[in-house]
Amino acid sequence: MASTPLPVITCVGIAVADVVFTLDAPIAVHGKNLASASRTVGGGPAANAAVTIARLGGSARLIANLGDDAIGDTIVEELATLGVDTCLTRRVPGVASPLSGVIIEPDGERTIVNHTDPRLVGDTGTVSSDEVRGSSAVVVDLRWLGGAQAAVLAGKTLGIPTIVDVDLTVGEVPTDIVELATHLVFSQPALHRLAGTGDIDRALKTVADRTDAFVAVTLGGDGVRWVEGDAICSLRAFRVEVVDTLGAGDVFHGAFALGLVEGQSIEQAMRFASAASALKCSKPGGRAGIPLRSDLDLFLESRP
């Protein structure tokens, strides 16, 4: 008997090569820092979300723009080995692929310096409904704003969930994304900026009043909070030894989308995503720390 095809989740945004330096002492600003380890890994919010979905047993495809260079080749090859469908990822001649320098300090927190050529996230094509058709959900980041807007509109037209990773960007979050998305999951700084208040609960309710979408915010070690009716719900973070937080938010978004597609309730999907993010933080190497589904299931079973 043929197996049932896995539901496809399409991720739209940027894919990056991260050069990661691990420090044994806090960074010396304006000074020289000697790393105890270094490695080059794949990164980017949408790309990491796609890898998370694949490693947790889902089917993921990525729509992104890359340069037609060796870095782009490496990014695509790694994604393919990790089970991500990159057939819709575009290569732009004469443009450098996105590259980041990442510093991981002893407490696991990271500092990122990224360069993405504006031509890759400007008017370099868009996302059509035909490219999204057949998906069970769409996950977008806001680094490629035109792609995100088109993908959210396509998701709305097709009647599928659209999960937006709302992090700080150069400009404001467009009104159409806030109004058309089904799920908005903010970083804390992005929520405060959009809502115009530093009070988390008030900010959540302010945004929720502007949209019919589900609204949540990830708070790192303080867990996650979301709006449910007139109430603010919360989930504490799973306690792990934090080694590397690089990509933790991206993992959360990918796992949350997969949980929704699998039919999990909001609370279950939040717990599922929080656990995946915690496990990622407990291992070094950015994307290399994204857990397999078997590891995540065991982790959740041990914490009823």
Protein backbone atom coordinates (compact mmCIF):
# COMPACT_ATOMS: atom_id res chain seq x y z
CA MET A 1 0.00 0.00 0.00
CA ALA A 2 1.37 3.41 -0.97
CA SER A 3 2.14 5.75 1.90
CA THR A 4 0.13 8.96 2.29
CA PRO A 5 2.10 11.99 1.04
CA LEU A 6 3.21 14.36 3.76
CA PRO A 7 1.47 17.73 3.85
CA VAL A 8 3.69 20.38 2.26
CA ILE A 9 4.60 23.61 4.05
CA THR A 10 6.05 26.35 1.85
CA CYS A 11 8.54 28.74 3.47
CA VAL A 12 9.21 32.12 1.89
CA GLY A 13 12.06 34.47 2.85
CA ILE A 14 15.83 34.45 2.96
CA ALA A 15 18.50 31.77 3.10
CA VAL A 16 21.94 32.69 4.43
CA ALA A 17 25.39 31.25 4.99
CA ASP A 18 26.41 31.87 8.62
CA VAL A 19 30.08 31.95 9.62
CA VAL A 20 29.84 31.18 13.35
CA PHE A 21 32.56 32.02 15.89
CA THR A 22 32.33 30.61 19.42
CA LEU A 23 33.91 32.63 22.24
CA ASP A 24 34.97 31.35 25.67
CA ALA A 25 34.79 34.86 27.16
CA PRO A 26 32.38 37.78 26.70
CA ILE A 27 33.03 39.73 23.53
CA ALA A 28 35.57 42.55 23.83
CA VAL A 29 33.90 45.43 22.01
CA HIS A 30 36.37 47.42 19.87
CA GLY A 31 39.04 44.84 20.69
CA LYS A 32 40.42 41.59 19.31
CA ASN A 33 38.53 38.37 20.08
CA LEU A 34 39.94 34.87 19.63
CA ALA A 35 37.36 32.18 18.89
CA SER A 36 37.64 28.73 20.41
CA ALA A 37 35.77 27.26 17.43
CA SER A 38 34.36 28.29 14.07
CA ARG A 39 32.14 26.72 11.46
CA THR A 40 30.04 27.71 8.47
CA VAL A 41 26.39 26.67 8.61
CA GLY A 42 23.21 27.50 6.78
CA GLY A 43 20.88 30.10 8.22
CA GLY A 44 18.07 32.54 7.49
CA PRO A 45 14.62 32.55 9.14
CA ALA A 46 12.64 30.96 6.32
CA ALA A 47 15.39 28.48 5.46
CA ASN A 48 15.78 27.40 9.10
CA ALA A 49 12.01 27.03 9.44
CA ALA A 50 12.02 24.77 6.37
CA VAL A 51 14.85 22.63 7.79
CA THR A 52 12.97 22.35 11.08
CA ILE A 53 9.84 21.13 9.33
CA ALA A 54 11.83 18.52 7.40
CA ARG A 55 13.75 17.27 10.46
CA LEU A 56 10.52 16.97 12.42
CA GLY A 57 8.95 14.76 9.79
CA GLY A 58 7.17 17.24 7.55
CA SER A 59 7.61 18.13 3.89
CA ALA A 60 9.11 21.59 3.32
CA ARG A 61 9.90 23.66 0.28
CA LEU A 62 11.69 26.99 0.19
CA ILE A 63 11.12 30.01 -2.04
CA ALA A 64 14.06 32.39 -1.71
CA ASN A 65 16.44 34.47 -3.84
CA LEU A 66 20.15 33.63 -3.90
CA GLY A 67 23.10 34.87 -5.89
CA ASP A 68 24.53 32.77 -8.67
CA ASP A 69 27.75 32.14 -6.74
CA ALA A 70 29.61 29.50 -4.75
CA ILE A 71 27.94 30.56 -1.48
CA GLY A 72 24.55 30.11 -3.10
CA ASP A 73 25.61 26.66 -4.35
CA THR A 74 26.60 25.68 -0.81
CA ILE A 75 23.31 26.95 0.66
CA VAL A 76 21.20 25.02 -1.85
CA GLU A 77 23.26 21.84 -1.54
CA GLU A 78 23.00 21.82 2.27
CA LEU A 79 19.25 22.43 2.20
CA ALA A 80 18.82 19.54 -0.24
CA THR A 81 20.79 17.16 2.00
CA LEU A 82 18.52 18.17 4.89
CA GLY A 83 15.38 17.28 2.97
CA VAL A 84 14.20 20.72 1.85
CA ASP A 85 12.78 21.10 -1.66
CA THR A 86 14.61 24.05 -3.28
CA CYS A 87 13.21 23.74 -6.81
CA LEU A 88 11.47 27.12 -6.44
CA THR A 89 14.52 28.94 -5.06
CA ARG A 90 15.79 31.45 -7.61
CA ARG A 91 19.40 32.29 -8.56
CA VAL A 92 20.16 35.88 -9.56
CA PRO A 93 23.23 36.40 -11.83
CA GLY A 94 25.85 38.90 -10.73
CA VAL A 95 24.63 39.17 -7.13
CA ALA A 96 26.32 37.84 -3.97
CA SER A 97 24.32 35.45 -1.81
CA PRO A 98 23.42 36.51 1.77
CA LEU A 99 26.23 36.07 4.31
CA SER A 100 26.35 36.56 8.09
CA GLY A 101 29.07 36.69 10.72
CA VAL A 102 27.78 35.28 14.01
CA ILE A 103 29.42 35.46 17.45
CA ILE A 104 28.26 33.02 20.15
CA GLU A 105 29.20 34.14 23.67
CA PRO A 106 29.66 31.84 26.71
CA ASP A 107 26.02 32.25 27.80
CA GLY A 108 24.83 31.03 24.40
CA GLU A 109 23.55 34.42 23.25
CA ARG A 110 24.43 35.46 19.71
CA THR A 111 25.38 38.63 17.86
CA ILE A 112 24.77 38.72 14.10
CA VAL A 113 26.12 40.94 11.35
CA ASN A 114 24.41 40.21 8.03
CA HIS A 115 24.78 41.47 4.50
CA THR A 116 22.03 40.76 2.00
CA ASP A 117 22.22 42.48 -1.38
CA PRO A 118 19.11 44.68 -1.73
CA ARG A 119 18.54 43.20 -5.18
CA LEU A 120 17.71 39.86 -3.59
CA VAL A 121 14.98 41.23 -1.35
CA GLY A 122 13.73 44.10 -3.51
CA ASP A 123 11.96 43.68 -6.80
CA THR A 124 13.59 40.39 -7.80
CA GLY A 125 10.40 38.54 -8.68
CA THR A 126 7.54 37.68 -6.40
CA VAL A 127 5.58 34.62 -5.28
CA SER A 128 2.60 33.39 -7.27
CA SER A 129 -0.45 31.47 -6.12
CA ASP A 130 0.62 28.62 -8.42
CA GLU A 131 3.88 28.27 -6.49
CA VAL A 132 2.01 28.08 -3.19
CA ARG A 133 -0.82 25.87 -4.50
CA GLY A 134 -0.77 22.39 -3.02
CA SER A 135 0.65 23.61 0.30
CA SER A 136 -1.06 22.96 3.61
CA ALA A 137 0.44 26.14 5.11
CA VAL A 138 2.83 28.98 4.35
CA VAL A 139 5.56 30.36 6.65
CA VAL A 140 7.11 33.72 5.79
CA ASP A 141 9.78 35.99 7.22
CA LEU A 142 9.81 39.71 6.52
CA ARG A 143 13.36 40.04 5.18
CA TRP A 144 12.04 39.61 1.62
CA LEU A 145 9.01 41.82 2.07
CA GLY A 146 7.58 41.61 -1.44
CA GLY A 147 7.76 37.82 -1.33
CA ALA A 148 6.12 37.75 2.09
CA GLN A 149 3.25 39.98 1.01
CA ALA A 150 2.61 37.93 -2.12
CA ALA A 151 2.80 34.64 -0.23
CA VAL A 152 0.39 35.80 2.49
CA LEU A 153 -2.06 36.99 -0.16
CA ALA A 154 -1.74 33.67 -1.99
CA GLY A 155 -2.35 31.78 1.25
CA LYS A 156 -5.44 33.88 1.92
CA THR A 157 -6.74 33.21 -1.59
CA LEU A 158 -6.13 29.48 -1.24
CA GLY A 159 -7.61 29.35 2.27
CA ILE A 160 -4.57 27.89 4.03
CA PRO A 161 -2.82 29.01 7.24
CA THR A 162 -0.16 31.72 6.83
CA ILE A 163 2.31 31.97 9.69
CA VAL A 164 4.38 35.16 9.78
CA ASP A 165 7.70 35.41 11.61
CA VAL A 166 7.44 39.06 12.66
CA ASP A 167 10.90 40.28 13.62
CA LEU A 168 12.52 43.70 13.38
CA THR A 169 13.03 44.87 9.81
CA VAL A 170 14.11 48.14 8.24
CA GLY A 171 10.53 49.41 7.89
CA GLU A 172 7.19 48.92 9.57
CA VAL A 173 5.18 45.72 9.22
CA PRO A 174 2.82 46.32 6.27
CA THR A 175 -0.87 46.61 7.09
CA ASP A 176 -1.84 43.99 4.52
CA ILE A 177 0.28 41.34 6.24
CA VAL A 178 -1.21 42.14 9.65
CA GLU A 179 -4.73 42.00 8.24
CA LEU A 180 -4.42 38.99 5.90
CA ALA A 181 -2.22 36.54 7.84
CA THR A 182 -3.84 33.85 9.96
CA HIS A 183 -1.01 33.65 12.54
CA LEU A 184 1.39 36.42 13.62
CA VAL A 185 4.24 35.30 15.89
CA PHE A 186 6.34 38.27 17.02
CA SER A 187 9.75 38.72 18.54
CA GLN A 188 9.49 40.95 21.61
CA PRO A 189 11.21 44.00 20.02
CA ALA A 190 9.02 43.77 16.91
CA LEU A 191 5.84 43.54 18.99
CA HIS A 192 6.78 46.58 21.04
CA ARG A 193 7.61 48.62 17.95
CA LEU A 194 4.37 47.80 16.13
CA ALA A 195 2.14 48.25 19.19
CA GLY A 196 3.92 51.36 20.47
CA THR A 197 4.07 50.10 24.05
CA GLY A 198 6.58 48.19 26.16
CA ASP A 199 3.88 46.36 28.12
CA ILE A 200 3.70 42.87 26.62
CA ASP A 201 0.05 42.08 27.38
CA ARG A 202 -1.13 45.51 26.27
CA ALA A 203 0.94 45.21 23.10
CA LEU A 204 -0.55 41.80 22.30
CA LYS A 205 -4.08 43.09 22.72
CA THR A 206 -3.32 46.23 20.70
CA VAL A 207 -2.19 44.14 17.73
CA ALA A 208 -5.02 41.62 18.19
CA ASP A 209 -7.53 44.46 17.93
CA ARG A 210 -6.18 45.26 14.44
CA THR A 211 -6.54 41.78 12.97
CA ASP A 212 -8.46 38.52 13.01
CA ALA A 213 -5.16 36.65 13.12
CA PHE A 214 -3.84 34.66 16.04
CA VAL A 215 -1.24 36.86 17.80
CA ALA A 216 1.68 35.61 19.90
CA VAL A 217 5.12 36.72 21.06
CA THR A 218 8.20 34.63 21.82
CA LEU A 219 10.19 35.78 24.86
CA GLY A 220 13.25 33.55 24.86
CA GLY A 221 13.89 32.21 28.35
CA ASP A 222 10.61 33.74 29.53
CA GLY A 223 8.54 31.51 27.28
CA VAL A 224 5.73 32.54 24.96
CA ARG A 225 2.49 34.50 25.36
CA TRP A 226 -0.56 34.71 23.10
CA VAL A 227 -4.07 36.11 22.86
CA GLU A 228 -7.03 33.78 23.19
CA GLY A 229 -10.36 35.57 23.17
CA ASP A 230 -10.16 38.25 25.84
CA ALA A 231 -7.42 36.43 27.74
CA ILE A 232 -3.64 36.39 27.56
CA CYS A 233 -2.26 32.86 27.78
CA SER A 234 1.32 31.92 28.53
CA LEU A 235 3.67 28.97 28.48
CA ARG A 236 6.92 28.87 30.42
CA ALA A 237 10.11 28.05 28.55
CA PHE A 238 11.52 24.56 28.93
CA ARG A 239 14.62 24.65 31.12
CA VAL A 240 17.74 23.47 29.33
CA GLU A 241 21.41 24.34 29.49
CA VAL A 242 21.67 27.06 26.86
CA VAL A 243 24.64 26.61 24.55
CA ASP A 244 23.66 28.40 21.33
CA THR A 245 20.51 30.47 20.67
CA LEU A 246 21.25 31.01 16.96
CA GLY A 247 18.10 30.19 14.96
CA ALA A 248 15.95 29.41 18.00
CA GLY A 249 13.12 31.68 16.84
CA ASP A 250 13.24 30.24 13.32
CA VAL A 251 12.91 26.73 14.76
CA PHE A 252 9.93 27.85 16.82
CA HIS A 253 8.10 29.14 13.73
CA GLY A 254 8.77 26.03 11.67
CA ALA A 255 7.70 23.67 14.44
CA PHE A 256 4.61 25.75 15.23
CA ALA A 257 3.52 25.61 11.58
CA LEU A 258 4.00 21.85 11.47
CA GLY A 259 2.02 21.43 14.68
CA LEU A 260 -0.89 23.37 13.19
CA VAL A 261 -0.82 21.33 9.98
CA GLU A 262 -0.83 18.13 12.04
CA GLY A 263 -4.02 19.28 13.75
CA GLN A 264 -2.56 20.17 17.13
CA SER A 265 -4.44 22.69 19.24
CA ILE A 266 -2.86 26.10 19.73
CA GLU A 267 -1.61 25.15 23.19
CA GLN A 268 -0.22 21.84 21.90
CA ALA A 269 1.48 23.56 18.95
CA MET A 270 2.97 26.16 21.29
CA ARG A 271 4.36 23.45 23.55
CA PHE A 272 5.65 21.50 20.54
CA ALA A 273 7.39 24.58 19.13
CA SER A 274 8.78 25.67 22.50
CA ALA A 275 10.30 22.25 23.08
CA ALA A 276 11.88 22.19 19.60
CA SER A 277 13.38 25.63 20.20
CA ALA A 278 14.69 24.63 23.64
CA LEU A 279 16.39 21.54 22.25
CA LYS A 280 18.00 23.63 19.53
CA CYS A 281 19.40 26.00 22.18
CA SER A 282 20.95 23.09 24.07
CA LYS A 283 23.30 22.20 21.19
CA PRO A 284 25.99 24.18 19.35
CA GLY A 285 26.23 24.91 15.66
CA GLY A 286 23.14 26.91 14.76
CA ARG A 287 21.09 24.78 12.37
CA ALA A 288 23.03 21.67 13.39
CA GLY A 289 21.16 21.75 16.70
CA ILE A 290 17.67 21.42 15.20
CA PRO A 291 16.20 18.25 16.72
CA LEU A 292 14.87 15.18 14.97
CA ARG A 293 11.23 14.25 15.61
CA SER A 294 12.21 11.22 17.68
CA ASP A 295 14.33 13.39 19.99
CA LEU A 296 11.55 15.96 20.33
CA ASP A 297 8.93 13.33 21.12
CA LEU A 298 11.15 11.82 23.82
CA PHE A 299 11.81 15.26 25.28
CA LEU A 300 8.08 16.04 25.48
CA GLU A 301 7.26 12.64 26.96
CA SER A 302 9.77 13.26 29.74
CA ARG A 303 8.04 16.55 30.61
CA PRO A 304 4.32 15.80 30.88
